[in-house]
Protein backbone atom coordinates (compact mmCIF):
# COMPACT_ATOMS: atom_id res chain seq x y z
CA MET A 1 -39.07 -152.26 -82.91
CA ALA A 2 -35.77 -152.95 -81.15
CA LEU A 3 -35.12 -149.21 -80.70
CA LYS A 4 -38.58 -148.69 -79.22
CA GLN A 5 -38.01 -151.53 -76.77
CA GLN A 6 -34.59 -150.11 -75.85
CA LEU A 7 -36.06 -146.67 -75.11
CA ALA A 8 -38.80 -148.21 -72.99
CA ASN A 9 -36.26 -150.17 -70.96
CA THR A 10 -34.16 -147.03 -70.42
CA GLN A 11 -37.16 -145.13 -69.09
CA ASP A 12 -37.91 -147.99 -66.72
CA LEU A 13 -34.55 -147.34 -65.02
CA VAL A 14 -35.60 -143.80 -64.09
CA GLU A 15 -37.56 -143.92 -60.86
CA ILE A 16 -38.90 -140.37 -61.20
CA GLU A 17 -42.57 -139.98 -62.05
CA GLU A 18 -42.89 -136.19 -61.85
CA ILE A 19 -41.32 -133.04 -60.41
CA LYS A 20 -43.53 -130.29 -59.04
CA GLU A 21 -43.64 -127.86 -56.12
CA SER A 22 -39.94 -128.56 -55.36
CA VAL A 23 -40.80 -132.23 -54.82
CA VAL A 24 -39.63 -135.31 -56.72
CA LEU A 25 -42.46 -137.83 -57.01
CA LEU A 26 -41.24 -141.40 -57.42
CA LYS A 27 -43.03 -144.17 -59.27
CA ASP A 28 -43.52 -146.09 -56.03
CA GLY A 29 -45.41 -143.13 -54.51
CA GLY A 30 -42.55 -141.82 -52.38
CA LEU A 31 -41.58 -138.15 -52.21
CA ARG A 32 -38.11 -136.61 -52.19
CA GLN A 33 -36.73 -133.13 -51.75
CA VAL A 34 -33.12 -132.11 -52.35
CA VAL A 35 -31.24 -129.56 -50.25
CA MET A 36 -28.02 -128.15 -51.68
CA VAL A 37 -25.36 -127.21 -49.12
CA ALA A 38 -22.38 -124.89 -49.51
CA GLY A 39 -18.99 -126.15 -48.40
CA LEU A 40 -16.68 -124.72 -45.76
CA ASN A 41 -13.04 -123.77 -46.20
CA THR A 42 -11.56 -125.72 -43.32
CA ALA A 43 -7.97 -124.91 -44.35
CA LEU A 44 -8.19 -121.55 -42.57
CA MET A 45 -9.84 -122.90 -39.42
CA SER A 46 -8.14 -123.64 -36.14
CA GLU A 47 -8.37 -127.02 -34.45
CA SER A 48 -10.81 -125.69 -31.85
CA GLU A 49 -13.08 -124.31 -34.57
CA MET A 50 -13.06 -127.67 -36.34
CA ASP A 51 -13.96 -129.42 -33.08
CA ILE A 52 -16.94 -127.07 -32.58
CA ILE A 53 -18.20 -127.72 -36.12
CA SER A 54 -17.74 -131.50 -35.77
CA SER A 55 -19.63 -131.51 -32.47
CA GLY A 56 -22.42 -129.39 -33.94
CA TYR A 57 -22.70 -131.67 -36.95
CA GLN A 58 -22.93 -134.71 -34.70
CA ASN A 59 -25.69 -133.07 -32.66
CA PHE A 60 -27.50 -132.18 -35.88
CA LEU A 61 -27.50 -135.80 -37.09
CA ASN A 62 -28.64 -137.08 -33.69
CA SER A 63 -31.57 -134.65 -33.70
CA LEU A 64 -33.11 -136.19 -36.83
CA ASP A 65 -35.92 -138.72 -36.43
CA PHE A 66 -35.94 -139.66 -40.13
CA PRO A 67 -33.25 -140.98 -42.50
CA ILE A 68 -31.41 -138.75 -44.96
CA GLN A 69 -29.08 -139.42 -47.87
CA ILE A 70 -25.91 -137.33 -48.29
CA ILE A 71 -24.49 -137.10 -51.82
CA ILE A 72 -21.17 -135.56 -52.89
CA HIS A 73 -21.36 -135.00 -56.65
CA SER A 74 -18.05 -134.27 -58.43
CA ARG A 75 -17.99 -132.84 -61.93
CA LYS A 76 -15.68 -130.92 -64.24
CA VAL A 77 -16.01 -127.16 -63.96
CA ASN A 78 -18.11 -125.72 -66.77
CA ILE A 79 -16.43 -122.43 -67.75
CA GLU A 80 -18.52 -121.77 -70.86
CA ARG A 81 -20.63 -119.11 -69.14
CA TYR A 82 -17.54 -117.43 -67.69
CA LEU A 83 -15.83 -117.29 -71.09
CA ASN A 84 -18.99 -115.86 -72.67
CA ASN A 85 -19.03 -113.10 -70.04
CA LEU A 86 -15.40 -112.30 -70.84
CA GLU A 87 -16.23 -112.16 -74.54
CA ALA A 88 -19.07 -109.70 -73.88
CA ARG A 89 -16.81 -107.58 -71.69
CA LYS A 90 -14.11 -107.57 -74.38
CA ALA A 91 -16.63 -106.40 -76.96
CA ASP A 92 -17.66 -103.46 -74.74
CA GLU A 93 -14.08 -102.47 -73.87
CA PRO A 94 -13.01 -99.32 -75.77
CA SER A 95 -9.29 -99.75 -75.06
CA PRO A 96 -7.45 -101.93 -77.66
CA LEU A 97 -4.81 -102.82 -75.06
CA LEU A 98 -7.38 -104.10 -72.54
CA ARG A 99 -9.26 -105.98 -75.28
CA ASN A 100 -6.03 -107.76 -76.16
CA GLN A 101 -5.36 -108.61 -72.51
CA ILE A 102 -8.87 -109.99 -72.05
CA GLY A 103 -8.43 -112.14 -75.16
CA GLU A 104 -5.12 -113.52 -73.88
CA TYR A 105 -6.74 -114.26 -70.52
CA GLN A 106 -9.58 -116.11 -72.28
CA GLN A 107 -7.08 -118.29 -74.13
CA PHE A 108 -5.16 -118.99 -70.92
CA ILE A 109 -8.25 -120.02 -68.95
CA SER A 110 -9.61 -122.16 -71.80
CA GLY A 111 -6.28 -123.93 -72.34
CA PHE A 112 -5.65 -124.48 -68.62
CA VAL A 113 -9.05 -126.07 -68.02
CA HIS A 114 -8.68 -128.19 -71.17
CA GLU A 115 -5.32 -129.61 -70.02
CA ASN A 116 -6.19 -129.92 -66.31
CA ALA A 117 -9.32 -131.56 -65.00
CA ILE A 118 -10.63 -128.99 -62.50
CA MET A 119 -13.33 -130.60 -60.41
CA GLU A 120 -16.19 -128.95 -58.58
CA LYS A 121 -17.99 -130.68 -55.71
CA THR A 122 -21.67 -130.27 -55.00
CA PHE A 123 -23.04 -131.31 -51.61
CA LEU A 124 -26.63 -132.54 -51.53
CA VAL A 125 -28.97 -133.82 -48.82
CA VAL A 126 -31.88 -135.95 -50.00
CA VAL A 127 -34.93 -135.69 -47.73
CA PRO A 128 -37.36 -138.65 -48.04
CA LEU A 129 -41.02 -139.18 -47.30
CA ASN A 130 -42.17 -142.74 -47.88
CA LEU A 131 -45.90 -143.25 -47.87
CA ILE A 132 -47.72 -146.27 -46.46
CA ASN A 133 -48.61 -148.66 -49.27
CA LEU A 134 -52.37 -149.18 -49.26
CA PRO A 135 -53.97 -152.32 -50.71
CA SER A 136 -54.30 -152.24 -54.48
CA LYS A 137 -57.67 -152.08 -56.21
CA GLU A 138 -57.23 -155.67 -57.37
CA SER A 139 -56.64 -157.02 -53.85
CA VAL A 140 -59.58 -155.07 -52.45
CA ALA A 141 -61.81 -156.36 -55.23
CA GLY A 142 -60.69 -159.92 -54.53
CA ILE A 143 -61.69 -159.62 -50.88
CA THR A 144 -64.95 -157.77 -51.26
CA LYS A 145 -66.40 -160.11 -53.88
CA PHE A 146 -66.87 -162.68 -51.12
CA ILE A 147 -68.93 -160.24 -49.04
CA PRO A 148 -72.47 -160.38 -50.42
CA PHE A 149 -73.71 -157.25 -48.65
CA PHE A 150 -70.74 -155.12 -49.80
CA LYS A 151 -71.83 -152.42 -52.21
CA LYS A 152 -69.25 -151.02 -54.56
CA GLN A 153 -69.44 -147.31 -54.54
CA ALA A 154 -66.66 -145.85 -56.65
CA PRO A 155 -65.91 -142.18 -56.02
CA GLU A 156 -66.72 -139.64 -58.67
CA PRO A 157 -63.73 -138.88 -60.93
CA LYS A 158 -63.75 -135.22 -59.92
CA GLN A 159 -63.94 -136.07 -56.22
CA GLU A 160 -61.15 -138.63 -56.57
CA GLU A 161 -58.93 -136.04 -58.24
CA GLN A 162 -59.64 -133.56 -55.46
CA ASN A 163 -58.78 -136.19 -52.84
CA LYS A 164 -55.46 -136.91 -54.55
CA GLU A 165 -54.60 -133.23 -54.72
CA LEU A 166 -55.49 -132.74 -51.06
CA GLU A 167 -53.36 -135.73 -50.07
CA PHE A 168 -50.46 -134.39 -52.14
CA LYS A 169 -50.70 -130.99 -50.42
CA GLU A 170 -50.59 -132.66 -47.00
CA ASN A 171 -47.55 -134.74 -47.98
CA VAL A 172 -45.77 -131.67 -49.36
CA SER A 173 -46.36 -129.92 -46.04
CA LYS A 174 -44.84 -132.88 -44.19
CA ILE A 175 -41.72 -133.10 -46.34
CA ASN A 176 -41.32 -129.30 -46.25
CA GLN A 177 -41.15 -129.51 -42.46
CA ARG A 178 -38.34 -132.06 -42.74
CA SER A 179 -36.41 -129.97 -45.26
CA ASN A 180 -36.78 -126.86 -43.10
CA GLN A 181 -35.42 -128.82 -40.16
CA ILE A 182 -32.39 -129.80 -42.26
CA ILE A 183 -31.77 -126.22 -43.43
CA GLU A 184 -32.15 -124.74 -39.94
CA GLY A 185 -29.96 -127.44 -38.38
CA LEU A 186 -27.16 -126.87 -40.89
CA SER A 187 -27.37 -123.08 -40.49
CA VAL A 188 -26.62 -123.49 -36.77
CA ILE A 189 -23.19 -124.90 -37.62
CA GLY A 190 -22.53 -122.26 -40.27
CA LEU A 191 -23.54 -124.16 -43.40
CA GLU A 192 -25.68 -122.31 -45.94
CA ALA A 193 -28.34 -124.52 -47.52
CA ILE A 194 -31.24 -124.04 -49.91
CA LEU A 195 -34.10 -126.19 -51.15
CA LEU A 196 -33.84 -126.86 -54.89
CA ASP A 197 -36.84 -125.72 -56.90
CA ASP A 198 -38.35 -127.48 -59.93
CA GLN A 199 -35.96 -125.99 -62.50
CA ALA A 200 -32.88 -126.77 -60.41
CA LEU A 201 -34.11 -130.35 -59.83
CA VAL A 202 -34.63 -130.88 -63.57
CA GLU A 203 -31.10 -129.63 -64.29
CA LEU A 204 -29.65 -131.74 -61.48
CA PHE A 205 -31.19 -134.98 -62.70
CA TYR A 206 -30.39 -134.10 -66.31
CA ASN A 207 -26.73 -133.94 -65.26
CA PHE A 208 -27.03 -137.25 -63.39
CA TYR A 209 -28.59 -139.13 -66.28
CA ASN A 210 -26.51 -137.48 -69.04
CA PRO A 211 -22.93 -137.50 -67.72
CA GLU A 212 -21.44 -137.51 -71.22
CA THR A 213 -22.88 -134.10 -72.12
CA ILE A 214 -21.82 -130.65 -70.95
CA GLU A 215 -23.46 -130.28 -67.59
CA LYS A 216 -26.05 -127.58 -67.13
CA GLU A 217 -25.16 -124.99 -64.53
CA LEU A 218 -27.47 -125.09 -61.54
CA GLN A 219 -29.03 -121.81 -60.53
CA ASN A 220 -29.26 -120.40 -56.98
CA ILE A 221 -26.34 -122.41 -55.65
CA PRO A 222 -25.36 -121.28 -52.12
CA GLY A 223 -22.20 -119.19 -52.12
CA LYS A 224 -22.23 -118.56 -55.87
CA GLU A 225 -23.26 -115.66 -58.00
CA VAL A 226 -26.14 -116.30 -60.39
């Protein structure tokens, strides 16, 4: 009984209701989309180039008429996939000398990452769409019971479902417009950005809520090979 209560309380801490059509639906009815942004190597830029980027970024922020949340997520580099690729390449290599060199390189990379915490930063922009909270069914019922001529006419279940789906489509269109504005605005200053799809969102939040496990590698990250 205690374990069941503990699991229920843990689920209550997660504000996500559902993920579909590249949209995170929250329990309070709000919608969120997540845009992943590639970083820039500023070490090779001149001071004038940095000033241009800073000015462009400032103009980009000033052009927004809605709030955004910027997240910088740091995590240890997961080299498991890279090591597996090396192992497959070693197995296909006909030369004994090259197979030995690949094996030594595998050991070096594995040992280096084990002894040194190599961090990877992920840059995310959270795009919100908060819906207007309509009166609940209970409050409406409490008001209308004092109106004698009010006739309750509940919508048909099928019609109600169609209305919800239509409303969801309209909200997705609105939040897509905001995300496209973010992506286009960042591209002007040379930043590559993509909208995370359902699978990438699931992996992202899995990493957030399970930090003690080996993090899943996000697919379709800007600037990286899949």
